[in-house]
C-alpha atoms as a PDB file:
ATOM      1  CA  MET A   1      17.985  -0.407  -2.993  1.00  0.00           C
ATOM      2  CA  SER A   2      18.073  -2.287  -6.282  1.00  0.00           C
ATOM      3  CA  GLU A   3      19.631  -5.710  -6.778  1.00  0.00           C
ATOM      4  CA  ASN A   4      22.309  -4.030  -8.873  1.00  0.00           C
ATOM      5  CA  GLN A   5      23.220  -1.691  -6.000  1.00  0.00           C
ATOM      6  CA  ILE A   6      23.411  -4.632  -3.594  1.00  0.00           C
ATOM      7  CA  LYS A   7      25.733  -6.427  -6.036  1.00  0.00           C
ATOM      8  CA  GLN A   8      27.919  -3.314  -6.225  1.00  0.00           C
ATOM      9  CA  LEU A   9      28.140  -3.152  -2.424  1.00  0.00           C
ATOM     10  CA  ILE A  10      29.044  -6.842  -2.196  1.00  0.00           C
ATOM     11  CA  ASN A  11      31.630  -6.565  -4.964  1.00  0.00           C
ATOM     12  CA  LEU A  12      33.204  -3.521  -3.312  1.00  0.00           C
ATOM     13  CA  SER A  13      33.505  -5.459  -0.051  1.00  0.00           C
ATOM     14  CA  ILE A  14      35.110  -8.402  -1.848  1.00  0.00           C
ATOM     15  CA  GLN A  15      37.568  -6.156  -3.701  1.00  0.00           C
ATOM     16  CA  GLU A  16      38.385  -4.212  -0.542  1.00  0.00           C
ATOM     17  CA  ASP A  17      39.418  -7.377   1.337  1.00  0.00           C
ATOM     18  CA  LYS A  18      41.130  -8.929  -1.736  1.00  0.00           C
ATOM     19  CA  VAL A  19      39.126 -12.075  -1.032  1.00  0.00           C
ATOM     20  CA  HIS A  20      40.436 -13.995  -4.028  1.00  0.00           C
ATOM     21  CA  GLN A  21      44.045 -13.251  -3.096  1.00  0.00           C
ATOM     22  CA  ASP A  22      43.835 -14.820   0.375  1.00  0.00           C
ATOM     23  CA  ILE A  23      47.447 -16.008   0.511  1.00  0.00           C
ATOM     24  CA  THR A  24      47.231 -17.443   4.032  1.00  0.00           C
ATOM     25  CA  SER A  25      44.314 -19.788   3.318  1.00  0.00           C
ATOM     26  CA  LYS A  26      45.925 -20.899   0.058  1.00  0.00           C
ATOM     27  CA  LEU A  27      49.143 -21.804   1.893  1.00  0.00           C
ATOM     28  CA  THR A  28      47.512 -23.547   4.875  1.00  0.00           C
ATOM     29  CA  ILE A  29      44.301 -25.227   3.643  1.00  0.00           C
ATOM     30  CA  PRO A  30      44.215 -27.961   0.953  1.00  0.00           C
ATOM     31  CA  LYS A  31      42.447 -26.693  -2.162  1.00  0.00           C
ATOM     32  CA  ASN A  32      39.687 -29.326  -2.193  1.00  0.00           C
ATOM     33  CA  LEU A  33      39.184 -29.740   1.561  1.00  0.00           C
ATOM     34  CA  VAL A  34      35.443 -29.572   2.346  1.00  0.00           C
ATOM     35  CA  VAL A  35      34.389 -28.412   5.812  1.00  0.00           C
ATOM     36  CA  SER A  36      31.184 -27.752   7.755  1.00  0.00           C
ATOM     37  CA  VAL A  37      31.029 -24.696  10.017  1.00  0.00           C
ATOM     38  CA  ASN A  38      28.426 -22.841  12.058  1.00  0.00           C
ATOM     39  CA  ILE A  39      27.983 -19.125  12.616  1.00  0.00           C
ATOM     40  CA  VAL A  40      27.084 -18.872  16.298  1.00  0.00           C
ATOM     41  CA  SER A  41      25.664 -15.990  18.330  1.00  0.00           C
ATOM     42  CA  LYS A  42      27.789 -14.842  21.263  1.00  0.00           C
ATOM     43  CA  GLY A  43      25.065 -12.724  22.856  1.00  0.00           C
ATOM     44  CA  ASN A  44      21.346 -11.989  23.086  1.00  0.00           C
ATOM     45  CA  GLY A  45      19.669  -9.646  20.633  1.00  0.00           C
ATOM     46  CA  ILE A  46      17.912  -9.246  17.292  1.00  0.00           C
ATOM     47  CA  LEU A  47      19.346 -10.842  14.174  1.00  0.00           C
ATOM     48  CA  PHE A  48      19.723  -8.942  10.932  1.00  0.00           C
ATOM     49  CA  GLY A  49      21.960  -9.490   7.912  1.00  0.00           C
ATOM     50  CA  VAL A  50      21.280 -13.121   7.031  1.00  0.00           C
ATOM     51  CA  ASN A  51      20.006 -12.291   3.553  1.00  0.00           C
ATOM     52  CA  ILE A  52      23.015 -10.154   2.626  1.00  0.00           C
ATOM     53  CA  VAL A  53      25.364 -12.827   4.044  1.00  0.00           C
ATOM     54  CA  LYS A  54      23.729 -15.409   1.790  1.00  0.00           C
ATOM     55  CA  LYS A  55      24.243 -13.170  -1.249  1.00  0.00           C
ATOM     56  CA  ILE A  56      27.907 -12.560  -0.323  1.00  0.00           C
ATOM     57  CA  LEU A  57      28.645 -16.275   0.034  1.00  0.00           C
ATOM     58  CA  LYS A  58      26.993 -17.116  -3.282  1.00  0.00           C
ATOM     59  CA  THR A  59      28.993 -14.363  -4.962  1.00  0.00           C
ATOM     60  CA  ILE A  60      32.283 -15.738  -3.607  1.00  0.00           C
ATOM     61  CA  ASP A  61      31.539 -19.434  -4.158  1.00  0.00           C
ATOM     62  CA  LYS A  62      28.215 -20.656  -5.571  1.00  0.00           C
ATOM     63  CA  LYS A  63      28.945 -24.194  -4.377  1.00  0.00           C
ATOM     64  CA  ILE A  64      28.823 -23.329  -0.673  1.00  0.00           C
ATOM     65  CA  LYS A  65      25.764 -24.999   0.851  1.00  0.00           C
ATOM     66  CA  ILE A  66      23.911 -22.702   3.250  1.00  0.00           C
ATOM     67  CA  LYS A  67      21.470 -23.832   5.931  1.00  0.00           C
ATOM     68  CA  ILE A  68      19.728 -21.021   7.816  1.00  0.00           C
ATOM     69  CA  PHE A  69      18.499 -21.659  11.366  1.00  0.00           C
ATOM     70  CA  LYS A  70      17.449 -18.103  12.259  1.00  0.00           C
ATOM     71  CA  SER A  71      16.004 -15.492   9.902  1.00  0.00           C
ATOM     72  CA  ASP A  72      16.285 -11.706   9.866  1.00  0.00           C
ATOM     73  CA  GLY A  73      14.295  -9.950  12.562  1.00  0.00           C
ATOM     74  CA  LYS A  74      14.235 -12.925  14.937  1.00  0.00           C
ATOM     75  CA  GLY A  75      15.413 -12.805  18.544  1.00  0.00           C
ATOM     76  CA  ILE A  76      18.588 -14.753  19.215  1.00  0.00           C
ATOM     77  CA  LYS A  77      20.382 -15.923  22.341  1.00  0.00           C
ATOM     78  CA  LYS A  78      23.964 -16.673  23.228  1.00  0.00           C
ATOM     79  CA  GLY A  79      25.010 -20.000  21.734  1.00  0.00           C
ATOM     80  CA  ASN A  80      22.319 -20.096  19.032  1.00  0.00           C
ATOM     81  CA  LYS A  81      23.384 -21.521  15.694  1.00  0.00           C
ATOM     82  CA  ILE A  82      22.495 -18.971  13.050  1.00  0.00           C
ATOM     83  CA  ILE A  83      23.795 -20.443   9.807  1.00  0.00           C
ATOM     84  CA  ASN A  84      25.580 -23.636   8.779  1.00  0.00           C
ATOM     85  CA  LEU A  85      28.005 -23.516   5.868  1.00  0.00           C
ATOM     86  CA  LYS A  86      29.382 -26.504   4.005  1.00  0.00           C
ATOM     87  CA  GLY A  87      31.939 -26.085   1.270  1.00  0.00           C
ATOM     88  CA  LYS A  88      35.590 -25.643   0.451  1.00  0.00           C
ATOM     89  CA  GLY A  89      37.571 -24.513   3.488  1.00  0.00           C
ATOM     90  CA  GLN A  90      39.409 -21.887   1.468  1.00  0.00           C
ATOM     91  CA  SER A  91      36.143 -20.340   0.248  1.00  0.00           C
ATOM     92  CA  ILE A  92      34.635 -20.178   3.721  1.00  0.00           C
ATOM     93  CA  LEU A  93      37.755 -18.726   5.346  1.00  0.00           C
ATOM     94  CA  LYS A  94      38.161 -15.982   2.772  1.00  0.00           C
ATOM     95  CA  SER A  95      34.477 -15.084   3.243  1.00  0.00           C
ATOM     96  CA  GLU A  96      34.638 -15.034   7.045  1.00  0.00           C
ATOM     97  CA  ARG A  97      35.524 -11.430   7.816  1.00  0.00           C
ATOM     98  CA  ILE A  98      33.144  -9.879   5.287  1.00  0.00           C
ATOM     99  CA  ILE A  99      30.096 -11.884   6.358  1.00  0.00           C
ATOM    100  CA  LEU A 100      30.775 -11.371  10.067  1.00  0.00           C
ATOM    101  CA  ASN A 101      31.293  -7.631   9.499  1.00  0.00           C
ATOM    102  CA  PHE A 102      27.875  -7.277   7.873  1.00  0.00           C
ATOM    103  CA  LEU A 103      26.101  -9.617  10.271  1.00  0.00           C
ATOM    104  CA  GLY A 104      27.698  -8.099  13.378  1.00  0.00           C
ATOM    105  CA  HIS A 105      27.072  -4.478  12.462  1.00  0.00           C
ATOM    106  CA  LEU A 106      23.501  -4.894  11.248  1.00  0.00           C
ATOM    107  CA  SER A 107      22.506  -7.120  14.173  1.00  0.00           C
ATOM    108  CA  GLY A 108      24.048  -4.520  16.472  1.00  0.00           C
ATOM    109  CA  VAL A 109      21.809  -1.837  14.946  1.00  0.00           C
ATOM    110  CA  ALA A 110      18.697  -4.034  15.201  1.00  0.00           C
ATOM    111  CA  SER A 111      19.484  -5.115  18.770  1.00  0.00           C
ATOM    112  CA  GLU A 112      20.131  -1.602  20.085  1.00  0.00           C
ATOM    113  CA  THR A 113      16.969  -0.328  18.408  1.00  0.00           C
ATOM    114  CA  LYS A 114      14.969  -3.106  20.051  1.00  0.00           C
ATOM    115  CA  LYS A 115      16.380  -2.202  23.479  1.00  0.00           C
ATOM    116  CA  LEU A 116      15.225   1.392  23.127  1.00  0.00           C
ATOM    117  CA  VAL A 117      11.849   0.398  21.681  1.00  0.00           C
ATOM    118  CA  ASN A 118      11.251  -1.878  24.667  1.00  0.00           C
ATOM    119  CA  LYS A 119      12.484   0.764  27.081  1.00  0.00           C
ATOM    120  CA  THR A 120      10.078   3.412  25.823  1.00  0.00           C
ATOM    121  CA  LYS A 121       7.169   1.148  24.845  1.00  0.00           C
ATOM    122  CA  LYS A 122       4.735   2.365  27.504  1.00  0.00           C
ATOM    123  CA  TYR A 123       5.103   5.975  26.330  1.00  0.00           C
ATOM    124  CA  LYS A 124       4.229   5.139  22.684  1.00  0.00           C
ATOM    125  CA  THR A 125       6.968   7.294  21.195  1.00  0.00           C
ATOM    126  CA  LYS A 126       8.506   6.167  17.904  1.00  0.00           C
ATOM    127  CA  ILE A 127      12.241   5.438  17.957  1.00  0.00           C
ATOM    128  CA  CYS A 128      13.720   6.711  14.689  1.00  0.00           C
ATOM    129  CA  CYS A 129      17.045   6.620  12.920  1.00  0.00           C
ATOM    130  CA  THR A 130      18.493   9.485  10.844  1.00  0.00           C
ATOM    131  CA  ARG A 131      20.597   9.950   7.705  1.00  0.00           C
ATOM    132  CA  LYS A 132      23.768   9.573   9.794  1.00  0.00           C
ATOM    133  CA  THR A 133      24.570   6.309   8.081  1.00  0.00           C
ATOM    134  CA  SER A 134      27.695   4.700   6.626  1.00  0.00           C
ATOM    135  CA  PRO A 135      28.149   5.439   2.898  1.00  0.00           C
ATOM    136  CA  GLY A 136      26.615   2.655   0.839  1.00  0.00           C
ATOM    137  CA  MET A 137      25.058   1.020   3.900  1.00  0.00           C
ATOM    138  CA  ARG A 138      22.010   3.240   4.398  1.00  0.00           C
ATOM    139  CA  HIS A 139      19.457   0.835   2.957  1.00  0.00           C
ATOM    140  CA  LEU A 140      20.654  -2.078   5.079  1.00  0.00           C
ATOM    141  CA  GLN A 141      21.068   0.000   8.231  1.00  0.00           C
ATOM    142  CA  LYS A 142      17.567   1.421   7.946  1.00  0.00           C
ATOM    143  CA  LEU A 143      16.156  -2.066   7.374  1.00  0.00           C
ATOM    144  CA  ALA A 144      17.990  -3.189  10.513  1.00  0.00           C
ATOM    145  CA  VAL A 145      16.326  -0.374  12.484  1.00  0.00           C
ATOM    146  CA  LYS A 146      12.932  -1.583  11.256  1.00  0.00           C
ATOM    147  CA  ALA A 147      13.829  -5.152  12.242  1.00  0.00           C
ATOM    148  CA  GLY A 148      14.401  -3.851  15.769  1.00  0.00           C
ATOM    149  CA  GLY A 149      10.955  -2.240  15.850  1.00  0.00           C
ATOM    150  CA  GLY A 150      12.137   1.276  15.047  1.00  0.00           C
ATOM    151  CA  PHE A 151      11.120   3.705  12.334  1.00  0.00           C
ATOM    152  CA  ASN A 152      13.011   5.403   9.530  1.00  0.00           C
ATOM    153  CA  ASN A 153      13.277   9.135   9.261  1.00  0.00           C
ATOM    154  CA  ARG A 154      13.511  10.390   5.671  1.00  0.00           C
ATOM    155  CA  TYR A 155      15.619   8.069   3.532  1.00  0.00           C
ATOM    156  CA  ASP A 156      17.292  10.747   1.425  1.00  0.00           C
ATOM    157  CA  LEU A 157      17.200  14.429   0.486  1.00  0.00           C
ATOM    158  CA  GLU A 158      14.424  13.899  -2.058  1.00  0.00           C
ATOM    159  CA  GLN A 159      11.896  12.098   0.138  1.00  0.00           C
ATOM    160  CA  GLU A 160      10.846  14.914   2.480  1.00  0.00           C
ATOM    161  CA  ILE A 161      11.409  18.635   2.967  1.00  0.00           C
ATOM    162  CA  PHE A 162      13.415  19.175   6.144  1.00  0.00           C
ATOM    163  CA  ILE A 163      14.203  22.837   6.873  1.00  0.00           C
ATOM    164  CA  LYS A 164      17.167  22.902   9.253  1.00  0.00           C
ATOM    165  CA  ASP A 165      19.077  25.807  10.770  1.00  0.00           C
ATOM    166  CA  ASN A 166      21.583  25.729   7.897  1.00  0.00           C
ATOM    167  CA  HIS A 167      18.785  26.551   5.458  1.00  0.00           C
ATOM    168  CA  HIS A 168      18.429  29.997   7.059  1.00  0.00           C
ATOM    169  CA  LEU A 169      21.759  31.300   5.768  1.00  0.00           C
ATOM    170  CA  ASP A 170      20.237  34.189   3.833  1.00  0.00           C
ATOM    171  CA  LYS A 171      18.509  37.258   5.296  1.00  0.00           C
ATOM    172  CA  VAL A 172      14.968  35.938   4.947  1.00  0.00           C
ATOM    173  CA  LYS A 173      13.243  35.941   8.334  1.00  0.00           C
ATOM    174  CA  PHE A 174      12.690  32.589  10.045  1.00  0.00           C
ATOM    175  CA  ARG A 175       8.895  32.522   9.665  1.00  0.00           C
ATOM    176  CA  ASP A 176       8.991  33.923   6.138  1.00  0.00           C
ATOM    177  CA  LYS A 177      11.370  31.170   5.013  1.00  0.00           C
ATOM    178  CA  ILE A 178       8.944  28.472   6.171  1.00  0.00           C
ATOM    179  CA  ILE A 179       6.035  30.243   4.439  1.00  0.00           C
ATOM    180  CA  GLN A 180       8.071  30.399   1.215  1.00  0.00           C
ATOM    181  CA  VAL A 181       8.690  26.653   1.357  1.00  0.00           C
ATOM    182  CA  ILE A 182       5.005  25.871   1.974  1.00  0.00           C
ATOM    183  CA  LYS A 183       4.014  27.920  -1.083  1.00  0.00           C
ATOM    184  CA  LYS A 184       6.682  26.281  -3.284  1.00  0.00           C
ATOM    185  CA  ASN A 185       5.826  22.740  -2.194  1.00  0.00           C
ATOM    186  CA  LYS A 186       3.973  21.849  -5.405  1.00  0.00           C
ATOM    187  CA  ASN A 187       4.527  18.094  -4.965  1.00  0.00           C
ATOM    188  CA  LYS A 188       2.973  18.112  -1.490  1.00  0.00           C
ATOM    189  CA  LYS A 189       6.009  16.603   0.195  1.00  0.00           C
ATOM    190  CA  ILE A 190       6.065  16.203   3.967  1.00  0.00           C
ATOM    191  CA  ILE A 191       7.434  19.391   5.535  1.00  0.00           C
ATOM    192  CA  ASN A 192       9.530  19.095   8.683  1.00  0.00           C
ATOM    193  CA  ALA A 193      10.898  22.266  10.288  1.00  0.00           C
ATOM    194  CA  GLU A 194      13.690  22.297  12.858  1.00  0.00           C
ATOM    195  CA  VAL A 195      13.549  24.765  15.744  1.00  0.00           C
ATOM    196  CA  ASP A 196      16.300  25.501  18.261  1.00  0.00           C
ATOM    197  CA  ASN A 197      14.280  27.398  20.848  1.00  0.00           C
ATOM    198  CA  LEU A 198      10.790  28.377  21.953  1.00  0.00           C
ATOM    199  CA  ASN A 199      10.969  31.743  20.211  1.00  0.00           C
ATOM    200  CA  GLN A 200      11.421  30.080  16.810  1.00  0.00           C
ATOM    201  CA  LEU A 201       8.697  27.582  17.619  1.00  0.00           C
ATOM    202  CA  LYS A 202       6.130  30.271  18.432  1.00  0.00           C
ATOM    203  CA  GLN A 203       6.708  31.838  15.027  1.00  0.00           C
ATOM    204  CA  ILE A 204       5.571  28.767  13.072  1.00  0.00           C
ATOM    205  CA  VAL A 205       3.060  26.731  15.133  1.00  0.00           C
ATOM    206  CA  ASP A 206       0.150  28.227  13.188  1.00  0.00           C
ATOM    207  CA  LEU A 207       1.556  27.235   9.790  1.00  0.00           C
ATOM    208  CA  LYS A 208       0.541  24.193   7.743  1.00  0.00           C
ATOM    209  CA  ILE A 209       3.557  21.972   8.314  1.00  0.00           C
ATOM    210  CA  ASP A 210       3.615  18.259   9.058  1.00  0.00           C
ATOM    211  CA  ARG A 211       6.304  17.938  11.698  1.00  0.00           C
ATOM    212  CA  ILE A 212       8.461  20.045  13.995  1.00  0.00           C
ATOM    213  CA  LEU A 213      11.834  18.793  15.131  1.00  0.00           C
ATOM    214  CA  LEU A 214      12.821  20.189  18.519  1.00  0.00           C
ATOM    215  CA  ASP A 215      16.595  20.198  18.417  1.00  0.00           C
ATOM    216  CA  ASN A 216      18.665  19.995  21.611  1.00  0.00           C
ATOM    217  CA  PHE A 217      15.754  20.980  23.836  1.00  0.00           C
ATOM    218  CA  SER A 218      16.081  20.406  27.562  1.00  0.00           C
ATOM    219  CA  ILE A 219      13.337  18.330  29.190  1.00  0.00           C
ATOM    220  CA  LEU A 220      11.775  21.485  30.664  1.00  0.00           C
ATOM    221  CA  SER A 221      11.841  23.357  27.341  1.00  0.00           C
ATOM    222  CA  LEU A 222      10.471  20.320  25.527  1.00  0.00           C
ATOM    223  CA  LYS A 223       7.498  20.125  27.897  1.00  0.00           C
ATOM    224  CA  LYS A 224       6.766  23.802  27.311  1.00  0.00           C
ATOM    225  CA  ALA A 225       7.049  23.348  23.553  1.00  0.00           C
ATOM    226  CA  LEU A 226       4.649  20.391  23.453  1.00  0.00           C
ATOM    227  CA  LYS A 227       1.979  22.470  25.183  1.00  0.00           C
ATOM    228  CA  ILE A 228       1.858  24.997  22.355  1.00  0.00           C
ATOM    229  CA  ILE A 229       2.198  22.688  19.335  1.00  0.00           C
ATOM    230  CA  PRO A 230      -1.221  21.778  17.872  1.00  0.00           C
ATOM    231  CA  LYS A 231      -2.137  18.105  17.541  1.00  0.00           C
ATOM    232  CA  THR A 232      -2.177  18.489  13.765  1.00  0.00           C
ATOM    233  CA  ILE A 233       1.618  18.795  13.797  1.00  0.00           C
ATOM    234  CA  GLN A 234       3.752  15.774  14.625  1.00  0.00           C
ATOM    235  CA  THR A 235       6.514  16.344  17.190  1.00  0.00           C
ATOM    236  CA  GLU A 236      10.054  15.009  17.166  1.00  0.00           C
ATOM    237  CA  ALA A 237      12.904  15.412  19.645  1.00  0.00           C
ATOM    238  CA  SER A 238      16.551  15.043  18.691  1.00  0.00           C
ATOM    239  CA  GLY A 239      20.001  15.980  19.927  1.00  0.00           C
ATOM    240  CA  ASN A 240      21.958  14.654  22.919  1.00  0.00           C
ATOM    241  CA  ILE A 241      19.427  11.897  23.548  1.00  0.00           C
ATOM    242  CA  ASN A 242      20.933   8.579  24.608  1.00  0.00           C
ATOM    243  CA  PRO A 243      19.944   5.356  26.422  1.00  0.00           C
ATOM    244  CA  LYS A 244      20.551   6.993  29.799  1.00  0.00           C
ATOM    245  CA  ASN A 245      18.130   9.897  29.336  1.00  0.00           C
ATOM    246  CA  ILE A 246      15.723   8.589  26.680  1.00  0.00           C
ATOM    247  CA  ILE A 247      13.045   7.690  29.240  1.00  0.00           C
ATOM    248  CA  GLN A 248      12.907  11.305  30.396  1.00  0.00           C
ATOM    249  CA  TYR A 249      12.280  12.445  26.827  1.00  0.00           C
ATOM    250  CA  ALA A 250       9.728   9.703  26.132  1.00  0.00           C
ATOM    251  CA  ARG A 251       7.765  10.699  29.245  1.00  0.00           C
ATOM    252  CA  THR A 252       7.125  14.167  27.822  1.00  0.00           C
ATOM    253  CA  GLY A 253       4.742  12.711  25.242  1.00  0.00           C
ATOM    254  CA  VAL A 254       6.820  13.680  22.201  1.00  0.00           C
ATOM    255  CA  LYS A 255       5.708  11.530  19.263  1.00  0.00           C
ATOM    256  CA  ARG A 256       9.112  10.715  17.800  1.00  0.00           C
ATOM    257  CA  ILE A 257      12.665  10.513  19.120  1.00  0.00           C
ATOM    258  CA  SER A 258      15.448  10.390  16.525  1.00  0.00           C
ATOM    259  CA  LEU A 259      18.938   9.168  17.339  1.00  0.00           C
ATOM    260  CA  GLY A 260      21.870   9.247  14.940  1.00  0.00           C
ATOM    261  CA  TYR A 261      23.900   6.853  17.027  1.00  0.00           C
ATOM    262  CA  LEU A 262      21.575   3.965  16.116  1.00  0.00           C
ATOM    263  CA  THR A 263      23.374   3.742  12.785  1.00  0.00           C
ATOM    264  CA  HIS A 264      26.757   5.383  13.349  1.00  0.00           C
ATOM    265  CA  SER A 265      27.913   4.334  16.814  1.00  0.00           C
ATOM    266  CA  VAL A 266      26.245   1.157  18.034  1.00  0.00           C
ATOM    267  CA  LYS A 267      28.305  -1.706  19.397  1.00  0.00           C
ATOM    268  CA  ASN A 268      29.015  -4.535  16.988  1.00  0.00           C
ATOM    269  CA  PHE A 269      27.070  -7.716  17.793  1.00  0.00           C
ATOM    270  CA  ASP A 270      29.446 -10.631  18.300  1.00  0.00           C
ATOM    271  CA  PHE A 271      29.270 -13.795  16.209  1.00  0.00           C
ATOM    272  CA  SER A 272      31.857 -16.541  15.782  1.00  0.00           C
ATOM    273  CA  LEU A 273      32.635 -19.017  13.022  1.00  0.00           C
ATOM    274  CA  GLU A 274      32.962 -22.400  14.669  1.00  0.00           C
ATOM    275  CA  PHE A 275      34.355 -25.464  12.905  1.00  0.00           C
END
């Protein structure tokens, strides 16, 4: 993500909240009142979003003084001071919701990723996110996953070839479609093929592909699948995997587990602005 794209995201957030038309702060806080406030953690987890918060604050009011106590990727505990802000009260109050939205969401992603990484650590499976991200937030969300010890699946449609069930809409046979893609892959992109059942899997395990995604496989079916996939092909499980059953999937020996909810449904991490 370029600096220009980050600026666009920040400006969109500022415009969306009509930050510079904060009528309540203008009516209740003296224009030149200077205050000192702390952003404080209200739970335990992994911090992420400090750098984007700093950029947001400097965009809204360059004169706000920022002191950072905890950096991105660090573990935090309930009651920890994360950032101290000193500046005009009006500027800080009109920034509050935007900075806490970014910090809370991204720290939530990092913290949940870390929980799953720790939970599955002994089985050495990689915890991965997907492209199920919020529009405009993909870069930051995927960085948050990395901060939590997770891994990124392909970033966009150009990075890797991922042949899913929807790519078999024509009458070309399943195996033949994969062979076609291998032959056309002039740029030597990573090829990932999705399979929905053991029958599809058996048709392609001898082909020169990099990864097979086993979609919505039961634990029993996944174990059977892993026995017939050669070690030259990386394995990935996805679909209906959650914190309650992830250990069962990790125990199978699958190399990667991808979960969309890491970026689209995690609980917001709670921070407060304390004067």
